[in-house]
Amino acid sequence: MVLVNGGEGIGTGWSTYVPNYNPRDIAANIRQLLKGDTRQPMDPWYKGFSGTIEKSATKKAGAGYTVSWLN
């Protein structure tokens, strides 16, 4: 459910940010995992969002994303 709803928080000396992902992409990757196939990378997704989400240069801790809103 963290992948669907996302999560953000600060613990003792650690912080985390997990963006929302499309439930259909999550289900497809779970099916791939159960079959023993390779999973597809997922990009953040927000229901009703009409802007763009683009993967930017990889940062030390993982992938970064550039989010742009359409006017």
N, C-alpha and C. Protein backbone atom coordinates (compact mmCIF):
# COMPACT_ATOMS: atom_id res chain seq x y z
N MET A 1 0.82 -1.18 0.00
CA MET A 1 0.00 0.00 0.00
C MET A 1 0.86 1.25 0.00
N VAL A 2 2.10 1.15 0.48
CA VAL A 2 2.99 2.31 0.44
C VAL A 2 3.26 2.71 -1.01
N LEU A 3 3.38 1.74 -1.91
CA LEU A 3 3.62 2.07 -3.31
C LEU A 3 2.41 2.77 -3.94
N VAL A 4 1.21 2.42 -3.51
CA VAL A 4 0.00 3.05 -4.05
C VAL A 4 -0.19 4.44 -3.45
N ASN A 5 -0.09 4.55 -2.14
CA ASN A 5 -0.38 5.81 -1.44
C ASN A 5 0.83 6.70 -1.24
N GLY A 6 2.03 6.15 -1.39
CA GLY A 6 3.24 6.92 -1.13
C GLY A 6 3.49 7.04 0.36
N GLY A 7 4.61 7.59 0.72
CA GLY A 7 4.94 7.78 2.12
C GLY A 7 6.09 8.75 2.28
N GLU A 8 6.06 9.48 3.36
CA GLU A 8 7.12 10.44 3.63
C GLU A 8 7.26 10.56 5.14
N GLY A 9 8.49 10.58 5.61
CA GLY A 9 8.67 10.69 7.04
C GLY A 9 10.12 10.81 7.44
N ILE A 10 10.31 11.07 8.71
CA ILE A 10 11.65 11.21 9.28
C ILE A 10 11.73 10.28 10.48
N GLY A 11 12.76 9.46 10.50
CA GLY A 11 13.01 8.60 11.64
C GLY A 11 14.23 9.10 12.39
N THR A 12 14.78 8.27 13.23
CA THR A 12 15.97 8.65 13.99
C THR A 12 17.17 8.67 13.06
N GLY A 13 17.48 9.84 12.56
CA GLY A 13 18.64 9.99 11.68
C GLY A 13 18.40 9.61 10.23
N TRP A 14 17.21 9.22 9.87
CA TRP A 14 16.90 8.80 8.50
C TRP A 14 15.63 9.48 8.02
N SER A 15 15.57 9.79 6.75
CA SER A 15 14.34 10.31 6.17
C SER A 15 13.99 9.46 4.96
N THR A 16 12.72 9.44 4.62
CA THR A 16 12.28 8.64 3.49
C THR A 16 11.23 9.39 2.68
N TYR A 17 11.20 9.12 1.41
CA TYR A 17 10.15 9.64 0.54
C TYR A 17 9.87 8.58 -0.51
N VAL A 18 8.66 8.06 -0.54
CA VAL A 18 8.23 7.06 -1.52
C VAL A 18 7.07 7.69 -2.30
N PRO A 19 7.24 7.95 -3.60
CA PRO A 19 6.15 8.55 -4.37
C PRO A 19 5.04 7.54 -4.65
N ASN A 20 3.89 8.04 -5.10
CA ASN A 20 2.78 7.17 -5.49
C ASN A 20 3.09 6.51 -6.83
N TYR A 21 2.63 5.28 -7.00
CA TYR A 21 2.77 4.58 -8.28
C TYR A 21 1.40 4.11 -8.73
N ASN A 22 1.25 3.90 -10.03
CA ASN A 22 -0.01 3.46 -10.61
C ASN A 22 -0.32 2.04 -10.13
N PRO A 23 -1.50 1.81 -9.54
CA PRO A 23 -1.85 0.47 -9.07
C PRO A 23 -1.81 -0.58 -10.18
N ARG A 24 -2.13 -0.20 -11.40
CA ARG A 24 -2.06 -1.16 -12.52
C ARG A 24 -0.62 -1.58 -12.81
N ASP A 25 0.33 -0.63 -12.73
CA ASP A 25 1.74 -0.96 -12.92
C ASP A 25 2.24 -1.87 -11.81
N ILE A 26 1.81 -1.61 -10.59
CA ILE A 26 2.21 -2.44 -9.45
C ILE A 26 1.70 -3.87 -9.64
N ALA A 27 0.40 -4.01 -10.02
CA ALA A 27 -0.17 -5.34 -10.23
C ALA A 27 0.55 -6.08 -11.35
N ALA A 28 0.87 -5.37 -12.44
CA ALA A 28 1.59 -6.00 -13.56
C ALA A 28 2.96 -6.49 -13.11
N ASN A 29 3.65 -5.71 -12.30
CA ASN A 29 4.97 -6.12 -11.82
C ASN A 29 4.88 -7.28 -10.84
N ILE A 30 3.83 -7.33 -10.03
CA ILE A 30 3.65 -8.47 -9.13
C ILE A 30 3.42 -9.74 -9.95
N ARG A 31 2.62 -9.64 -11.01
CA ARG A 31 2.40 -10.80 -11.89
C ARG A 31 3.71 -11.25 -12.51
N GLN A 32 4.54 -10.30 -12.96
CA GLN A 32 5.85 -10.63 -13.55
C GLN A 32 6.72 -11.34 -12.51
N LEU A 33 6.71 -10.84 -11.29
CA LEU A 33 7.49 -11.43 -10.21
C LEU A 33 7.05 -12.87 -9.94
N LEU A 34 5.74 -13.09 -9.90
CA LEU A 34 5.22 -14.44 -9.63
C LEU A 34 5.56 -15.42 -10.76
N LYS A 35 5.64 -14.93 -11.99
CA LYS A 35 6.01 -15.78 -13.13
C LYS A 35 7.51 -16.03 -13.20
N GLY A 36 8.27 -15.23 -12.46
CA GLY A 36 9.73 -15.36 -12.51
C GLY A 36 10.35 -14.50 -13.61
N ASP A 37 9.54 -13.62 -14.23
CA ASP A 37 10.04 -12.73 -15.27
C ASP A 37 10.64 -11.48 -14.65
N THR A 38 11.32 -10.70 -15.49
CA THR A 38 11.90 -9.46 -14.98
C THR A 38 10.80 -8.40 -14.86
N ARG A 39 10.92 -7.58 -13.84
CA ARG A 39 9.95 -6.51 -13.60
C ARG A 39 10.31 -5.29 -14.43
N GLN A 40 9.31 -4.48 -14.73
CA GLN A 40 9.50 -3.25 -15.48
C GLN A 40 9.68 -2.09 -14.50
N PRO A 41 10.57 -1.15 -14.81
CA PRO A 41 10.72 0.01 -13.93
C PRO A 41 9.43 0.83 -13.93
N MET A 42 9.12 1.43 -12.80
CA MET A 42 7.91 2.23 -12.67
C MET A 42 8.29 3.68 -12.39
N ASP A 43 7.50 4.59 -12.92
CA ASP A 43 7.67 6.01 -12.65
C ASP A 43 6.54 6.47 -11.75
N PRO A 44 6.76 7.51 -10.95
CA PRO A 44 5.69 8.01 -10.09
C PRO A 44 4.44 8.36 -10.90
N TRP A 45 3.28 8.25 -10.26
CA TRP A 45 2.00 8.48 -10.91
C TRP A 45 1.03 9.07 -9.89
N TYR A 46 0.27 10.06 -10.30
CA TYR A 46 -0.71 10.70 -9.42
C TYR A 46 -2.02 10.81 -10.18
N LYS A 47 -3.09 10.24 -9.64
CA LYS A 47 -4.40 10.25 -10.29
C LYS A 47 -4.85 11.68 -10.56
N GLY A 48 -5.25 11.95 -11.80
CA GLY A 48 -5.75 13.25 -12.18
C GLY A 48 -4.69 14.28 -12.50
N PHE A 49 -3.41 13.95 -12.35
CA PHE A 49 -2.32 14.88 -12.63
C PHE A 49 -2.14 15.00 -14.13
N SER A 50 -2.16 16.24 -14.66
CA SER A 50 -2.08 16.43 -16.11
C SER A 50 -0.73 16.97 -16.56
N GLY A 51 0.23 17.08 -15.66
CA GLY A 51 1.56 17.56 -16.02
C GLY A 51 2.44 16.42 -16.50
N THR A 52 3.74 16.64 -16.46
CA THR A 52 4.70 15.62 -16.86
C THR A 52 5.60 15.25 -15.69
N ILE A 53 6.00 14.00 -15.67
CA ILE A 53 6.96 13.49 -14.69
C ILE A 53 8.06 12.81 -15.47
N GLU A 54 9.26 13.39 -15.43
CA GLU A 54 10.38 12.87 -16.21
C GLU A 54 11.52 12.45 -15.28
N LYS A 55 12.10 11.31 -15.60
CA LYS A 55 13.25 10.83 -14.81
C LYS A 55 14.43 11.75 -15.11
N SER A 56 15.08 12.25 -14.07
CA SER A 56 16.24 13.12 -14.25
C SER A 56 17.50 12.34 -13.92
N ALA A 57 18.61 13.02 -13.89
CA ALA A 57 19.89 12.37 -13.62
C ALA A 57 19.81 11.57 -12.33
N THR A 58 20.41 10.40 -12.33
CA THR A 58 20.40 9.54 -11.16
C THR A 58 21.17 10.20 -10.03
N LYS A 59 20.56 10.25 -8.87
CA LYS A 59 21.26 10.78 -7.72
C LYS A 59 21.85 9.64 -6.91
N LYS A 60 22.62 9.94 -5.93
CA LYS A 60 23.36 8.93 -5.17
C LYS A 60 22.45 7.87 -4.56
N ALA A 61 21.30 8.28 -4.01
CA ALA A 61 20.42 7.34 -3.31
C ALA A 61 19.39 6.69 -4.23
N GLY A 62 19.32 7.05 -5.50
CA GLY A 62 18.33 6.47 -6.41
C GLY A 62 17.98 7.44 -7.51
N ALA A 63 16.85 7.21 -8.15
CA ALA A 63 16.43 8.04 -9.27
C ALA A 63 15.80 9.33 -8.77
N GLY A 64 15.97 10.38 -9.54
CA GLY A 64 15.32 11.66 -9.26
C GLY A 64 14.34 11.95 -10.36
N TYR A 65 13.35 12.78 -10.10
CA TYR A 65 12.33 13.10 -11.09
C TYR A 65 12.09 14.59 -11.15
N THR A 66 11.80 15.08 -12.34
CA THR A 66 11.42 16.46 -12.55
C THR A 66 9.94 16.50 -12.84
N VAL A 67 9.18 17.24 -12.04
CA VAL A 67 7.73 17.32 -12.19
C VAL A 67 7.38 18.70 -12.72
N SER A 68 6.58 18.72 -13.80
CA SER A 68 6.17 19.99 -14.40
C SER A 68 4.65 20.01 -14.50
N TRP A 69 4.06 21.13 -14.08
CA TRP A 69 2.60 21.30 -14.18
C TRP A 69 2.28 22.01 -15.48
N LEU A 70 1.20 21.60 -16.11
CA LEU A 70 0.75 22.28 -17.33
C LEU A 70 -0.21 23.39 -16.93
N ASN A 71 -0.07 24.54 -17.55
CA ASN A 71 -0.97 25.65 -17.25
C ASN A 71 -2.12 25.69 -18.20
